[in-house]
Structure formats: structure tokens, C-alpha cells
Amino acid sequence: MPEESRGTGRSETAEAVLAYLRKRPDAADTLEGIVEWWLPRQRYETECSRIRAALAELVGAGALRCDRLPGGGDLYALNDPTQTSPPN
């Protein structure tokens, strides 16, 4: 069964290649380079966006909490309504 992406008629892989090139219009590579470098990076970036959105949704719904780390990152954990402050 062919992979199709959201009604565009293009496969998910074709959409990933196009998304990569839209972000990097000067990029060019061989088939091997695209397989090794572009698609893993594009899928990682796509998954990061999806996960970031899911985390924001879960924090907004109160299911997760987000604690700011001293270095500037965020730490996500299950929200415990009985806990009044983040654990140390």
C-alpha cells in the first residue's frame, strides 16, 4: 500500500524531501546522501515539533507540569496535583 500524506497525493517521503528543501533551498545531494542525512534530520525536526505541541497541550490541560531548569531547558513530568512545588 503506498504511503500518502494528508491528501496532497504525495507520499510521506516525498513530503519530507520537499520540507527539507524548503528549509534549505540551496541543498543538493545524492540518493545516498538524502537517505543518510536529509530524511533522518527532517523526521527528527518534524517529530520535535509534534512532540513540542503535544507537551504544550498536556501542560495546558494540567496533565503534565513543566519546570524550568537552571540551564534554561524545560523538564516535563506527570503533574501531581497534591504537590505544591517542583521536586528538587
N, C-alpha and C. Protein backbone atom coordinates (compact mmCIF):
# COMPACT_ATOMS: atom_id res chain seq x y z
N MET A 1 0.84 -1.17 0.00
CA MET A 1 0.00 0.00 0.00
C MET A 1 0.88 1.24 0.00
N PRO A 2 0.66 2.21 -0.91
CA PRO A 2 1.51 3.38 -0.97
C PRO A 2 1.28 4.31 0.21
N GLU A 3 2.36 4.99 0.63
CA GLU A 3 2.24 5.94 1.72
C GLU A 3 1.73 7.26 1.14
N GLU A 4 0.66 7.81 1.71
CA GLU A 4 0.13 9.07 1.22
C GLU A 4 0.06 10.06 2.36
N SER A 5 0.33 11.31 2.07
CA SER A 5 0.39 12.33 3.10
C SER A 5 -0.73 13.33 2.97
N ARG A 6 -1.64 13.35 3.90
CA ARG A 6 -2.68 14.35 4.09
C ARG A 6 -3.33 14.88 2.82
N GLY A 7 -3.73 14.02 1.94
CA GLY A 7 -4.49 14.44 0.78
C GLY A 7 -3.75 15.20 -0.30
N THR A 8 -2.43 15.29 -0.23
CA THR A 8 -1.68 16.01 -1.26
C THR A 8 -1.44 15.13 -2.46
N GLY A 9 -1.62 13.81 -2.30
CA GLY A 9 -1.30 12.88 -3.38
C GLY A 9 0.16 12.49 -3.38
N ARG A 10 0.96 13.15 -2.57
CA ARG A 10 2.38 12.81 -2.47
C ARG A 10 2.59 11.85 -1.31
N SER A 11 3.63 11.05 -1.42
CA SER A 11 3.96 10.14 -0.33
C SER A 11 4.55 10.94 0.83
N GLU A 12 4.52 10.33 2.00
CA GLU A 12 5.11 10.95 3.19
C GLU A 12 6.59 11.24 2.95
N THR A 13 7.28 10.33 2.27
CA THR A 13 8.70 10.52 1.98
C THR A 13 8.91 11.71 1.05
N ALA A 14 8.07 11.83 0.02
CA ALA A 14 8.17 12.97 -0.89
C ALA A 14 7.94 14.28 -0.14
N GLU A 15 6.98 14.29 0.75
CA GLU A 15 6.72 15.49 1.55
C GLU A 15 7.92 15.82 2.45
N ALA A 16 8.58 14.78 2.99
CA ALA A 16 9.75 15.02 3.84
C ALA A 16 10.89 15.63 3.04
N VAL A 17 11.10 15.15 1.83
CA VAL A 17 12.16 15.70 0.97
C VAL A 17 11.84 17.16 0.64
N LEU A 18 10.60 17.45 0.27
CA LEU A 18 10.22 18.83 -0.03
C LEU A 18 10.34 19.74 1.18
N ALA A 19 9.94 19.26 2.34
CA ALA A 19 10.06 20.07 3.56
C ALA A 19 11.52 20.40 3.86
N TYR A 20 12.39 19.42 3.66
CA TYR A 20 13.82 19.65 3.87
C TYR A 20 14.32 20.74 2.93
N LEU A 21 13.95 20.62 1.66
CA LEU A 21 14.43 21.58 0.66
C LEU A 21 13.81 22.96 0.82
N ARG A 22 12.61 23.03 1.31
CA ARG A 22 12.01 24.35 1.57
C ARG A 22 12.76 25.09 2.66
N LYS A 23 13.26 24.36 3.65
CA LYS A 23 14.05 24.98 4.71
C LYS A 23 15.47 25.26 4.27
N ARG A 24 15.96 24.51 3.29
CA ARG A 24 17.34 24.62 2.82
C ARG A 24 17.35 24.64 1.29
N PRO A 25 16.89 25.74 0.67
CA PRO A 25 16.72 25.76 -0.78
C PRO A 25 18.00 25.58 -1.59
N ASP A 26 19.16 25.78 -1.00
CA ASP A 26 20.42 25.59 -1.72
C ASP A 26 20.98 24.18 -1.58
N ALA A 27 20.27 23.31 -0.86
CA ALA A 27 20.76 21.95 -0.63
C ALA A 27 20.71 21.12 -1.91
N ALA A 28 21.65 20.20 -2.02
CA ALA A 28 21.70 19.23 -3.11
C ALA A 28 22.49 18.03 -2.63
N ASP A 29 22.08 16.83 -3.01
CA ASP A 29 22.79 15.64 -2.56
C ASP A 29 22.43 14.47 -3.45
N THR A 30 23.17 13.39 -3.28
CA THR A 30 22.90 12.14 -3.98
C THR A 30 21.80 11.39 -3.26
N LEU A 31 21.29 10.35 -3.87
CA LEU A 31 20.30 9.50 -3.22
C LEU A 31 20.81 9.02 -1.87
N GLU A 32 22.05 8.55 -1.87
CA GLU A 32 22.64 8.04 -0.62
C GLU A 32 22.71 9.13 0.45
N GLY A 33 23.11 10.33 0.04
CA GLY A 33 23.20 11.44 0.99
C GLY A 33 21.84 11.84 1.52
N ILE A 34 20.84 11.85 0.65
CA ILE A 34 19.49 12.19 1.08
C ILE A 34 18.99 11.17 2.09
N VAL A 35 19.20 9.90 1.80
CA VAL A 35 18.76 8.84 2.72
C VAL A 35 19.48 8.95 4.06
N GLU A 36 20.79 9.19 4.00
CA GLU A 36 21.59 9.20 5.23
C GLU A 36 21.43 10.48 6.04
N TRP A 37 21.35 11.63 5.37
CA TRP A 37 21.42 12.90 6.08
C TRP A 37 20.11 13.67 6.11
N TRP A 38 19.43 13.78 4.99
CA TRP A 38 18.26 14.64 4.96
C TRP A 38 17.07 14.06 5.70
N LEU A 39 16.69 12.86 5.36
CA LEU A 39 15.45 12.32 5.90
C LEU A 39 15.51 12.09 7.41
N PRO A 40 16.60 11.55 7.94
CA PRO A 40 16.62 11.43 9.40
C PRO A 40 16.51 12.79 10.09
N ARG A 41 17.20 13.80 9.56
CA ARG A 41 17.14 15.15 10.16
C ARG A 41 15.73 15.72 10.03
N GLN A 42 15.13 15.60 8.86
CA GLN A 42 13.78 16.13 8.63
C GLN A 42 12.78 15.44 9.55
N ARG A 43 12.88 14.14 9.66
CA ARG A 43 11.94 13.42 10.55
C ARG A 43 12.15 13.83 12.00
N TYR A 44 13.40 14.03 12.40
CA TYR A 44 13.69 14.48 13.77
C TYR A 44 13.04 15.84 14.01
N GLU A 45 13.23 16.77 13.07
CA GLU A 45 12.66 18.11 13.23
C GLU A 45 11.14 18.05 13.27
N THR A 46 10.56 17.23 12.42
CA THR A 46 9.11 17.09 12.39
C THR A 46 8.61 16.50 13.70
N GLU A 47 9.26 15.45 14.16
CA GLU A 47 8.84 14.82 15.42
C GLU A 47 9.02 15.77 16.59
N CYS A 48 10.10 16.56 16.61
CA CYS A 48 10.29 17.53 17.69
C CYS A 48 9.13 18.52 17.72
N SER A 49 8.69 18.98 16.56
CA SER A 49 7.56 19.91 16.50
C SER A 49 6.29 19.26 17.02
N ARG A 50 6.05 18.04 16.61
CA ARG A 50 4.85 17.32 17.07
C ARG A 50 4.90 17.08 18.58
N ILE A 51 6.05 16.69 19.06
CA ILE A 51 6.19 16.42 20.50
C ILE A 51 6.06 17.71 21.30
N ARG A 52 6.66 18.79 20.81
CA ARG A 52 6.56 20.10 21.48
C ARG A 52 5.09 20.51 21.59
N ALA A 53 4.34 20.34 20.50
CA ALA A 53 2.92 20.69 20.51
C ALA A 53 2.15 19.81 21.48
N ALA A 54 2.46 18.52 21.49
CA ALA A 54 1.78 17.59 22.40
C ALA A 54 2.09 17.94 23.86
N LEU A 55 3.34 18.28 24.14
CA LEU A 55 3.70 18.67 25.50
C LEU A 55 2.97 19.94 25.93
N ALA A 56 2.90 20.92 25.04
CA ALA A 56 2.19 22.16 25.36
C ALA A 56 0.71 21.87 25.63
N GLU A 57 0.13 20.99 24.83
CA GLU A 57 -1.27 20.60 25.03
C GLU A 57 -1.46 19.94 26.40
N LEU A 58 -0.56 19.03 26.75
CA LEU A 58 -0.68 18.31 28.01
C LEU A 58 -0.42 19.22 29.21
N VAL A 59 0.51 20.15 29.08
CA VAL A 59 0.75 21.12 30.16
C VAL A 59 -0.48 22.01 30.31
N GLY A 60 -1.01 22.48 29.18
CA GLY A 60 -2.20 23.33 29.21
C GLY A 60 -3.41 22.65 29.84
N ALA A 61 -3.50 21.35 29.64
CA ALA A 61 -4.61 20.58 30.20
C ALA A 61 -4.37 20.20 31.66
N GLY A 62 -3.16 20.46 32.15
CA GLY A 62 -2.85 20.14 33.53
C GLY A 62 -2.38 18.71 33.76
N ALA A 63 -2.21 17.93 32.70
CA ALA A 63 -1.77 16.55 32.84
C ALA A 63 -0.28 16.46 33.12
N LEU A 64 0.49 17.40 32.57
CA LEU A 64 1.93 17.47 32.82
C LEU A 64 2.27 18.80 33.43
N ARG A 65 3.41 18.84 34.08
CA ARG A 65 3.96 20.12 34.53
C ARG A 65 5.26 20.35 33.79
N CYS A 66 5.63 21.59 33.69
CA CYS A 66 6.86 21.97 33.01
C CYS A 66 7.67 22.82 33.98
N ASP A 67 8.83 22.32 34.38
CA ASP A 67 9.70 23.04 35.30
C ASP A 67 10.91 23.56 34.53
N ARG A 68 11.24 24.83 34.74
CA ARG A 68 12.38 25.44 34.08
C ARG A 68 13.65 24.99 34.79
N LEU A 69 14.62 24.51 34.02
CA LEU A 69 15.91 24.08 34.57
C LEU A 69 16.85 25.27 34.67
N PRO A 70 17.82 25.23 35.60
CA PRO A 70 18.76 26.35 35.74
C PRO A 70 19.50 26.70 34.45
N GLY A 71 19.77 25.71 33.62
CA GLY A 71 20.47 25.94 32.37
C GLY A 71 19.59 26.51 31.27
N GLY A 72 18.29 26.65 31.52
CA GLY A 72 17.39 27.23 30.56
C GLY A 72 16.47 26.25 29.86
N GLY A 73 16.67 24.96 30.02
CA GLY A 73 15.79 23.97 29.39
C GLY A 73 14.52 23.76 30.20
N ASP A 74 13.66 22.96 29.70
CA ASP A 74 12.41 22.62 30.38
C ASP A 74 12.40 21.14 30.71
N LEU A 75 11.87 20.82 31.88
CA LEU A 75 11.75 19.44 32.33
C LEU A 75 10.27 19.12 32.48
N TYR A 76 9.82 18.11 31.76
CA TYR A 76 8.40 17.74 31.77
C TYR A 76 8.22 16.50 32.64
N ALA A 77 7.14 16.50 33.40
CA ALA A 77 6.82 15.36 34.26
C ALA A 77 5.32 15.31 34.47
N LEU A 78 4.85 14.15 34.88
CA LEU A 78 3.44 13.99 35.20
C LEU A 78 3.07 14.97 36.30
N ASN A 79 1.97 15.67 36.13
CA ASN A 79 1.54 16.63 37.12
C ASN A 79 0.89 15.91 38.30
N ASP A 80 1.39 16.19 39.47
CA ASP A 80 0.84 15.62 40.70
C ASP A 80 0.09 16.73 41.42
N PRO A 81 -1.22 16.70 41.38
CA PRO A 81 -1.99 17.80 41.99
C PRO A 81 -1.78 17.95 43.49
N THR A 82 -1.25 16.92 44.16
CA THR A 82 -1.02 17.02 45.59
C THR A 82 0.30 17.73 45.91
N GLN A 83 1.14 17.90 44.91
CA GLN A 83 2.45 18.52 45.10
C GLN A 83 2.32 20.02 44.85
N THR A 84 2.79 20.86 45.78
CA THR A 84 2.63 22.30 45.64
C THR A 84 3.83 22.97 44.99
N SER A 85 4.98 22.32 45.01
CA SER A 85 6.15 22.91 44.36
C SER A 85 6.93 21.82 43.66
N PRO A 86 7.74 22.20 42.64
CA PRO A 86 8.52 21.19 41.92
C PRO A 86 9.51 20.48 42.83
N PRO A 87 9.77 19.18 42.58
CA PRO A 87 10.76 18.47 43.38
C PRO A 87 12.16 19.01 43.13
N ASN A 88 13.01 18.85 44.11
CA ASN A 88 14.41 19.30 43.98
C ASN A 88 15.27 18.25 43.34
